[in-house]
């Protein structure tokens, strides 16, 4: 008895075509990470989060700052400059590198420190990144 499997050459040819078209996930995730980092920098530039503009600084806070510098969360630049990105074959991330960033970004109840989220992605941005990923990684598999 013998078994004949038909279509192996056709399948092999399709797999070769897919492998030629498929991007390395780590490369795509790095591209996404860079876009995520830029999105976070925009939050600082616009001084806003997904709920709207950040609460303004009090006059007393501005007066205490160097030369009256009034950019919110940017007196020394340490927080904004600590934000880094990374990626590997499993995903992409953005994080801050200071121990106090969580207090500005968390959803925990607060008395004195106003919530001024700076690390977040909007639903619209998430959808754009999903489409980017699908177009670069999943598209070659269509039509197999």
Protein backbone atom coordinates (compact mmCIF):
# COMPACT_ATOMS: atom_id res chain seq x y z
CA UNK A 1 0.00 0.00 0.00
CA UNK A 2 1.25 3.47 -0.78
CA UNK A 3 -0.03 6.91 0.02
CA UNK A 4 0.37 9.73 -2.40
CA UNK A 5 0.16 13.28 -1.05
CA UNK A 6 -0.61 15.80 -3.73
CA UNK A 7 0.13 19.48 -3.57
CA UNK A 8 3.34 19.33 -1.51
CA UNK A 9 5.30 21.27 -4.10
CA UNK A 10 2.57 23.89 -4.28
CA UNK A 11 2.51 24.17 -0.48
CA UNK A 12 6.30 24.41 -0.33
CA UNK A 13 6.28 27.19 -2.94
CA UNK A 14 3.64 29.13 -0.99
CA UNK A 15 5.62 28.78 2.25
CA UNK A 16 8.76 30.05 0.53
CA UNK A 17 6.83 33.07 -0.77
CA UNK A 18 5.42 33.76 2.69
CA UNK A 19 8.83 33.52 4.34
CA UNK A 20 10.26 35.94 1.79
CA UNK A 21 7.50 38.48 2.47
CA UNK A 22 7.26 38.10 6.23
CA UNK A 23 9.02 40.69 8.34
CA UNK A 24 10.95 39.86 11.45
CA UNK A 25 8.57 40.51 14.38
CA UNK A 26 11.36 42.16 16.40
CA UNK A 27 11.84 44.73 13.61
CA UNK A 28 8.13 45.47 13.46
CA UNK A 29 7.92 45.71 17.25
CA UNK A 30 10.86 48.13 17.25
CA UNK A 31 9.04 50.32 14.75
CA UNK A 32 5.96 50.19 16.98
CA UNK A 33 8.07 51.00 20.07
CA UNK A 34 9.53 54.09 18.40
CA UNK A 35 6.04 55.25 17.44
CA UNK A 36 4.85 54.63 21.01
CA UNK A 37 7.78 56.67 22.37
CA UNK A 38 6.95 59.55 20.02
CA UNK A 39 3.33 59.37 21.17
CA UNK A 40 4.47 59.73 24.81
CA UNK A 41 6.63 62.75 23.90
CA UNK A 42 3.52 64.32 22.36
CA UNK A 43 1.76 64.03 25.72
CA UNK A 44 4.44 66.21 27.27
CA UNK A 45 4.37 68.69 24.39
CA UNK A 46 0.57 68.97 24.50
CA UNK A 47 0.46 68.72 28.32
CA UNK A 48 -2.54 66.45 28.12
CA UNK A 49 -3.73 62.90 28.57
CA UNK A 50 -6.69 60.89 27.33
CA UNK A 51 -9.01 62.94 29.57
CA UNK A 52 -7.90 66.33 28.33
CA UNK A 53 -5.41 68.96 29.40
CA UNK A 54 -3.37 68.41 32.53
CA UNK A 55 -4.34 70.46 35.55
CA UNK A 56 -2.42 73.75 35.38
CA UNK A 57 0.41 74.46 37.77
CA UNK A 58 -0.34 76.63 40.76
CA UNK A 59 1.22 80.10 40.77
CA UNK A 60 3.24 79.12 43.85
CA UNK A 61 4.72 76.14 41.96
CA UNK A 62 5.71 78.32 39.01
CA UNK A 63 7.31 80.85 41.37
CA UNK A 64 9.48 78.10 42.93
CA UNK A 65 10.80 76.94 39.59
CA UNK A 66 13.96 77.98 37.84
CA UNK A 67 13.26 81.28 36.08
CA UNK A 68 9.51 80.69 36.43
CA UNK A 69 9.53 77.81 33.92
CA UNK A 70 5.90 76.75 33.58
CA UNK A 71 5.94 73.57 31.46
CA UNK A 72 4.04 70.91 33.40
CA UNK A 73 6.11 67.86 34.48
CA UNK A 74 9.16 69.37 32.79
CA UNK A 75 10.93 71.61 35.30
CA UNK A 76 14.24 69.76 35.08
CA UNK A 77 13.42 67.47 32.14
CA UNK A 78 14.43 64.43 34.16
CA UNK A 79 11.07 62.63 33.86
CA UNK A 80 10.57 63.26 30.15
CA UNK A 81 14.19 62.41 29.35
CA UNK A 82 13.97 59.17 31.32
CA UNK A 83 11.35 57.71 28.99
CA UNK A 84 12.81 54.90 26.90
CA UNK A 85 11.49 52.28 24.54
CA UNK A 86 12.39 48.74 23.70
CA UNK A 87 11.30 45.77 21.65
CA UNK A 88 12.04 42.12 21.07
CA UNK A 89 10.37 39.31 19.14
CA UNK A 90 7.53 39.20 21.70
CA UNK A 91 6.49 42.83 21.88
CA UNK A 92 7.19 46.52 22.34
CA UNK A 93 7.23 48.74 25.42
CA UNK A 94 7.78 52.26 26.67
CA UNK A 95 8.68 53.05 30.27
CA UNK A 96 9.95 55.84 32.46
CA UNK A 97 13.17 55.51 34.39
CA UNK A 98 12.45 57.54 37.51
CA UNK A 99 10.97 56.31 40.75
CA UNK A 100 8.40 59.11 41.02
CA UNK A 101 6.75 58.80 37.60
CA UNK A 102 4.20 56.30 38.87
CA UNK A 103 2.74 58.90 41.24
CA UNK A 104 1.84 61.19 38.34
CA UNK A 105 0.61 58.38 36.13
CA UNK A 106 -1.38 56.14 38.51
CA UNK A 107 -5.14 56.08 38.88
CA UNK A 108 -4.88 55.90 42.68
CA UNK A 109 -6.88 58.47 44.67
CA UNK A 110 -4.84 61.52 45.63
CA UNK A 111 -5.03 64.57 47.84
CA UNK A 112 -2.25 66.89 46.73
CA UNK A 113 -0.57 65.65 43.56
CA UNK A 114 -2.87 66.02 40.55
CA UNK A 115 -3.09 63.11 38.14
CA UNK A 116 -1.18 63.93 34.99
CA UNK A 117 -0.88 60.75 32.97
CA UNK A 118 2.03 60.76 30.59
CA UNK A 119 2.45 57.06 29.75
CA UNK A 120 -0.61 55.75 27.95
CA UNK A 121 -1.86 54.94 24.50
CA UNK A 122 -5.23 55.90 23.12
CA UNK A 123 -7.61 53.40 21.58
CA UNK A 124 -7.05 55.09 18.22
CA UNK A 125 -3.27 54.72 18.50
CA UNK A 126 -3.62 51.08 19.58
CA UNK A 127 -5.77 50.39 16.53
CA UNK A 128 -3.18 52.02 14.25
CA UNK A 129 -0.44 49.85 15.74
CA UNK A 130 -2.59 46.74 15.36
CA UNK A 131 -3.12 47.59 11.68
CA UNK A 132 0.60 48.19 11.23
CA UNK A 133 1.43 44.84 12.81
CA UNK A 134 -1.17 43.00 10.76
CA UNK A 135 -0.03 44.62 7.52
CA UNK A 136 3.61 43.79 8.15
CA UNK A 137 3.36 40.37 9.79
CA UNK A 138 0.02 38.79 8.95
CA UNK A 139 -0.60 40.04 5.39
CA UNK A 140 1.77 37.55 3.72
CA UNK A 141 -0.36 34.69 5.09
CA UNK A 142 -3.52 35.85 3.31
CA UNK A 143 -4.42 33.78 0.33
CA UNK A 144 -2.51 30.68 1.34
